[in-house]
């Protein structure tokens, strides 16, 4: 994007790495949220500030 290249103008390999990386971060965040939510529910602190 720094050189003025549009997202659809990226080579297929770079676009694939971009999508896989984004999905990896999304999955890692979802797993972390799931386990933190389970932990909070088990300790009974959901909704407490």
PDB file of N, CA and C in Angstrom:
ATOM      1  N   UNK A   1       0.823  -1.184   0.000  1.00  0.00           N
ATOM      2  CA  UNK A   1       0.000   0.000   0.000  1.00  0.00           C
ATOM      3  C   UNK A   1       0.872   1.255   0.000  1.00  0.00           C
ATOM      4  N   UNK A   2       2.104   1.128   0.467  1.00  0.00           N
ATOM      5  CA  UNK A   2       2.991   2.284   0.538  1.00  0.00           C
ATOM      6  C   UNK A   2       3.368   2.783  -0.854  1.00  0.00           C
ATOM      7  N   UNK A   3       3.415   1.908  -1.829  1.00  0.00           N
ATOM      8  CA  UNK A   3       3.789   2.293  -3.185  1.00  0.00           C
ATOM      9  C   UNK A   3       2.574   2.624  -4.044  1.00  0.00           C
ATOM     10  N   UNK A   4       1.422   2.744  -3.438  1.00  0.00           N
ATOM     11  CA  UNK A   4       0.222   3.069  -4.186  1.00  0.00           C
ATOM     12  C   UNK A   4      -0.400   1.883  -4.892  1.00  0.00           C
ATOM     13  N   UNK A   5      -0.022   0.666  -4.495  1.00  0.00           N
ATOM     14  CA  UNK A   5      -0.573  -0.543  -5.108  1.00  0.00           C
ATOM     15  C   UNK A   5      -1.888  -0.877  -4.408  1.00  0.00           C
ATOM     16  N   UNK A   6      -2.917  -1.125  -5.172  1.00  0.00           N
ATOM     17  CA  UNK A   6      -4.202  -1.499  -4.594  1.00  0.00           C
ATOM     18  C   UNK A   6      -4.134  -2.918  -4.054  1.00  0.00           C
ATOM     19  N   UNK A   7      -5.037  -3.237  -3.168  1.00  0.00           N
ATOM     20  CA  UNK A   7      -5.073  -4.569  -2.563  1.00  0.00           C
ATOM     21  C   UNK A   7      -5.263  -5.648  -3.625  1.00  0.00           C
ATOM     22  N   UNK A   8      -6.111  -5.376  -4.594  1.00  0.00           N
ATOM     23  CA  UNK A   8      -6.353  -6.364  -5.648  1.00  0.00           C
ATOM     24  C   UNK A   8      -5.180  -6.451  -6.616  1.00  0.00           C
ATOM     25  N   UNK A   9      -4.220  -5.542  -6.514  1.00  0.00           N
ATOM     26  CA  UNK A   9      -3.053  -5.563  -7.387  1.00  0.00           C
ATOM     27  C   UNK A   9      -1.877  -6.331  -6.818  1.00  0.00           C
ATOM     28  N   UNK A  10      -2.023  -6.869  -5.628  1.00  0.00           N
ATOM     29  CA  UNK A  10      -0.937  -7.645  -5.015  1.00  0.00           C
ATOM     30  C   UNK A  10      -0.796  -8.988  -5.713  1.00  0.00           C
ATOM     31  N   UNK A  11       0.425  -9.511  -5.745  1.00  0.00           N
ATOM     32  CA  UNK A  11       0.605 -10.866  -6.285  1.00  0.00           C
ATOM     33  C   UNK A  11      -0.139 -11.882  -5.421  1.00  0.00           C
ATOM     34  N   UNK A  12      -0.510 -12.990  -6.028  1.00  0.00           N
ATOM     35  CA  UNK A  12      -1.314 -14.004  -5.349  1.00  0.00           C
ATOM     36  C   UNK A  12      -0.622 -14.549  -4.098  1.00  0.00           C
ATOM     37  N   UNK A  13       0.674 -14.737  -4.163  1.00  0.00           N
ATOM     38  CA  UNK A  13       1.409 -15.261  -3.007  1.00  0.00           C
ATOM     39  C   UNK A  13       1.345 -14.325  -1.817  1.00  0.00           C
ATOM     40  N   UNK A  14       1.535 -13.039  -2.051  1.00  0.00           N
ATOM     41  CA  UNK A  14       1.486 -12.060  -0.968  1.00  0.00           C
ATOM     42  C   UNK A  14       0.072 -11.917  -0.415  1.00  0.00           C
ATOM     43  N   UNK A  15      -0.903 -11.972  -1.289  1.00  0.00           N
ATOM     44  CA  UNK A  15      -2.294 -11.892  -0.847  1.00  0.00           C
ATOM     45  C   UNK A  15      -2.665 -13.108   0.002  1.00  0.00           C
ATOM     46  N   UNK A  16      -2.155 -14.271  -0.380  1.00  0.00           N
ATOM     47  CA  UNK A  16      -2.402 -15.488   0.382  1.00  0.00           C
ATOM     48  C   UNK A  16      -1.783 -15.390   1.773  1.00  0.00           C
ATOM     49  N   UNK A  17      -0.563 -14.896   1.850  1.00  0.00           N
ATOM     50  CA  UNK A  17       0.098 -14.729   3.151  1.00  0.00           C
ATOM     51  C   UNK A  17      -0.689 -13.744   4.010  1.00  0.00           C
ATOM     52  N   UNK A  18      -1.172 -12.683   3.408  1.00  0.00           N
ATOM     53  CA  UNK A  18      -1.960 -11.680   4.128  1.00  0.00           C
ATOM     54  C   UNK A  18      -3.225 -12.294   4.709  1.00  0.00           C
ATOM     55  N   UNK A  19      -3.940 -13.064   3.912  1.00  0.00           N
ATOM     56  CA  UNK A  19      -5.204 -13.667   4.361  1.00  0.00           C
ATOM     57  C   UNK A  19      -4.943 -14.738   5.418  1.00  0.00           C
ATOM     58  N   UNK A  20      -3.948 -15.571   5.219  1.00  0.00           N
ATOM     59  CA  UNK A  20      -3.644 -16.632   6.189  1.00  0.00           C
ATOM     60  C   UNK A  20      -3.208 -16.025   7.525  1.00  0.00           C
ATOM     61  N   UNK A  21      -2.396 -14.985   7.473  1.00  0.00           N
ATOM     62  CA  UNK A  21      -1.957 -14.320   8.698  1.00  0.00           C
ATOM     63  C   UNK A  21      -3.141 -13.705   9.438  1.00  0.00           C
ATOM     64  N   UNK A  22      -4.022 -13.041   8.705  1.00  0.00           N
ATOM     65  CA  UNK A  22      -5.194 -12.430   9.329  1.00  0.00           C
ATOM     66  C   UNK A  22      -6.091 -13.491   9.966  1.00  0.00           C
ATOM     67  N   UNK A  23      -6.304 -14.595   9.274  1.00  0.00           N
ATOM     68  CA  UNK A  23      -7.130 -15.673   9.833  1.00  0.00           C
ATOM     69  C   UNK A  23      -6.459 -16.314  11.041  1.00  0.00           C
ATOM     70  N   UNK A  24      -5.142 -16.415  11.019  1.00  0.00           N
ATOM     71  CA  UNK A  24      -4.409 -16.952  12.167  1.00  0.00           C
ATOM     72  C   UNK A  24      -4.566 -16.085  13.404  1.00  0.00           C
ATOM     73  N   UNK A  25      -4.420 -14.775  13.222  1.00  0.00           N
ATOM     74  CA  UNK A  25      -4.609 -13.862  14.345  1.00  0.00           C
ATOM     75  C   UNK A  25      -6.053 -13.886  14.843  1.00  0.00           C
ATOM     76  N   UNK A  26      -6.999 -13.967  13.950  1.00  0.00           N
ATOM     77  CA  UNK A  26      -8.405 -14.043  14.336  1.00  0.00           C
ATOM     78  C   UNK A  26      -8.672 -15.313  15.135  1.00  0.00           C
ATOM     79  N   UNK A  27      -8.152 -16.437  14.689  1.00  0.00           N
ATOM     80  CA  UNK A  27      -8.351 -17.708  15.391  1.00  0.00           C
ATOM     81  C   UNK A  27      -7.674 -17.681  16.757  1.00  0.00           C
ATOM     82  N   UNK A  28      -6.463 -17.139  16.842  1.00  0.00           N
ATOM     83  CA  UNK A  28      -5.755 -17.065  18.123  1.00  0.00           C
ATOM     84  C   UNK A  28      -6.511 -16.179  19.105  1.00  0.00           C
ATOM     85  N   UNK A  29      -7.039 -15.075  18.634  1.00  0.00           N
ATOM     86  CA  UNK A  29      -7.813 -14.191  19.497  1.00  0.00           C
ATOM     87  C   UNK A  29      -9.103 -14.829  19.954  1.00  0.00           C
ATOM     88  N   UNK A  30      -9.735 -15.575  19.069  1.00  0.00           N
ATOM     89  CA  UNK A  30     -10.980 -16.258  19.420  1.00  0.00           C
ATOM     90  C   UNK A  30     -10.728 -17.331  20.469  1.00  0.00           C
ATOM     91  N   UNK A  31      -9.669 -18.083  20.315  1.00  0.00           N
ATOM     92  CA  UNK A  31      -9.324 -19.126  21.296  1.00  0.00           C
ATOM     93  C   UNK A  31      -8.980 -18.496  22.643  1.00  0.00           C
ATOM     94  N   UNK A  32      -8.200 -17.420  22.629  1.00  0.00           N
ATOM     95  CA  UNK A  32      -7.842 -16.743  23.881  1.00  0.00           C
ATOM     96  C   UNK A  32      -9.092 -16.204  24.577  1.00  0.00           C
ATOM     97  N   UNK A  33      -9.996 -15.597  23.813  1.00  0.00           N
ATOM     98  CA  UNK A  33     -11.230 -15.072  24.391  1.00  0.00           C
ATOM     99  C   UNK A  33     -12.073 -16.195  24.978  1.00  0.00           C
ATOM    100  N   UNK A  34     -12.163 -17.323  24.270  1.00  0.00           N
ATOM    101  CA  UNK A  34     -12.949 -18.458  24.741  1.00  0.00           C
ATOM    102  C   UNK A  34     -12.432 -18.952  26.093  1.00  0.00           C
ATOM    103  N   UNK A  35     -11.106 -19.134  26.205  1.00  0.00           N
ATOM    104  CA  UNK A  35     -10.554 -19.643  27.454  1.00  0.00           C
ATOM    105  C   UNK A  35     -10.646 -18.626  28.580  1.00  0.00           C
ATOM    106  N   UNK A  36     -10.478 -17.351  28.290  1.00  0.00           N
ATOM    107  CA  UNK A  36     -10.629 -16.328  29.326  1.00  0.00           C
ATOM    108  C   UNK A  36     -12.080 -16.245  29.789  1.00  0.00           C
ATOM    109  N   UNK A  37     -13.012 -16.397  28.870  1.00  0.00           N
ATOM    110  CA  UNK A  37     -14.424 -16.378  29.233  1.00  0.00           C
ATOM    111  C   UNK A  37     -14.766 -17.577  30.120  1.00  0.00           C
ATOM    112  N   UNK A  38     -14.253 -18.757  29.762  1.00  0.00           N
ATOM    113  CA  UNK A  38     -14.492 -19.947  30.599  1.00  0.00           C
ATOM    114  C   UNK A  38     -13.920 -19.759  31.996  1.00  0.00           C
ATOM    115  N   UNK A  39     -12.726 -19.189  32.057  1.00  0.00           N
ATOM    116  CA  UNK A  39     -12.052 -18.954  33.330  1.00  0.00           C
ATOM    117  C   UNK A  39     -12.872 -17.993  34.193  1.00  0.00           C
ATOM    118  N   UNK A  40     -13.364 -16.909  33.593  1.00  0.00           N
ATOM    119  CA  UNK A  40     -14.149 -15.922  34.334  1.00  0.00           C
ATOM    120  C   UNK A  40     -15.475 -16.520  34.800  1.00  0.00           C
ATOM    121  N   UNK A  41     -16.108 -17.324  33.968  1.00  0.00           N
ATOM    122  CA  UNK A  41     -17.367 -17.949  34.380  1.00  0.00           C
ATOM    123  C   UNK A  41     -17.146 -18.951  35.506  1.00  0.00           C
ATOM    124  N   UNK A  42     -16.051 -19.709  35.418  1.00  0.00           N
ATOM    125  CA  UNK A  42     -15.755 -20.694  36.458  1.00  0.00           C
ATOM    126  C   UNK A  42     -15.507 -20.011  37.798  1.00  0.00           C
ATOM    127  N   UNK A  43     -14.845 -18.848  37.784  1.00  0.00           N
ATOM    128  CA  UNK A  43     -14.562 -18.125  39.019  1.00  0.00           C
ATOM    129  C   UNK A  43     -15.722 -17.239  39.459  1.00  0.00           C
ATOM    130  N   UNK A  44     -16.752 -17.147  38.619  1.00  0.00           N
ATOM    131  CA  UNK A  44     -17.937 -16.387  38.992  1.00  0.00           C
ATOM    132  C   UNK A  44     -17.745 -14.884  38.954  1.00  0.00           C
ATOM    133  N   UNK A  45     -16.915 -14.382  38.070  1.00  0.00           N
ATOM    134  CA  UNK A  45     -16.663 -12.943  38.028  1.00  0.00           C
ATOM    135  C   UNK A  45     -17.189 -12.287  36.751  1.00  0.00           C
ATOM    136  N   UNK A  46     -17.991 -13.001  35.978  1.00  0.00           N
ATOM    137  CA  UNK A  46     -18.571 -12.401  34.767  1.00  0.00           C
ATOM    138  C   UNK A  46     -19.532 -11.291  35.183  1.00  0.00           C
ATOM    139  N   UNK A  47     -19.367 -10.109  34.632  1.00  0.00           N
ATOM    140  CA  UNK A  47     -20.259  -9.008  34.915  1.00  0.00           C
ATOM    141  C   UNK A  47     -19.847  -8.170  36.104  1.00  0.00           C
ATOM    142  N   UNK A  48     -18.777  -8.516  36.789  1.00  0.00           N
ATOM    143  CA  UNK A  48     -18.294  -7.733  37.924  1.00  0.00           C
ATOM    144  C   UNK A  48     -17.228  -6.772  37.419  1.00  0.00           C
ATOM    145  N   UNK A  49     -17.192  -5.605  37.989  1.00  0.00           N
ATOM    146  CA  UNK A  49     -16.201  -4.601  37.588  1.00  0.00           C
ATOM    147  C   UNK A  49     -15.118  -4.492  38.629  1.00  0.00           C
TER     148      UNK A  49
END
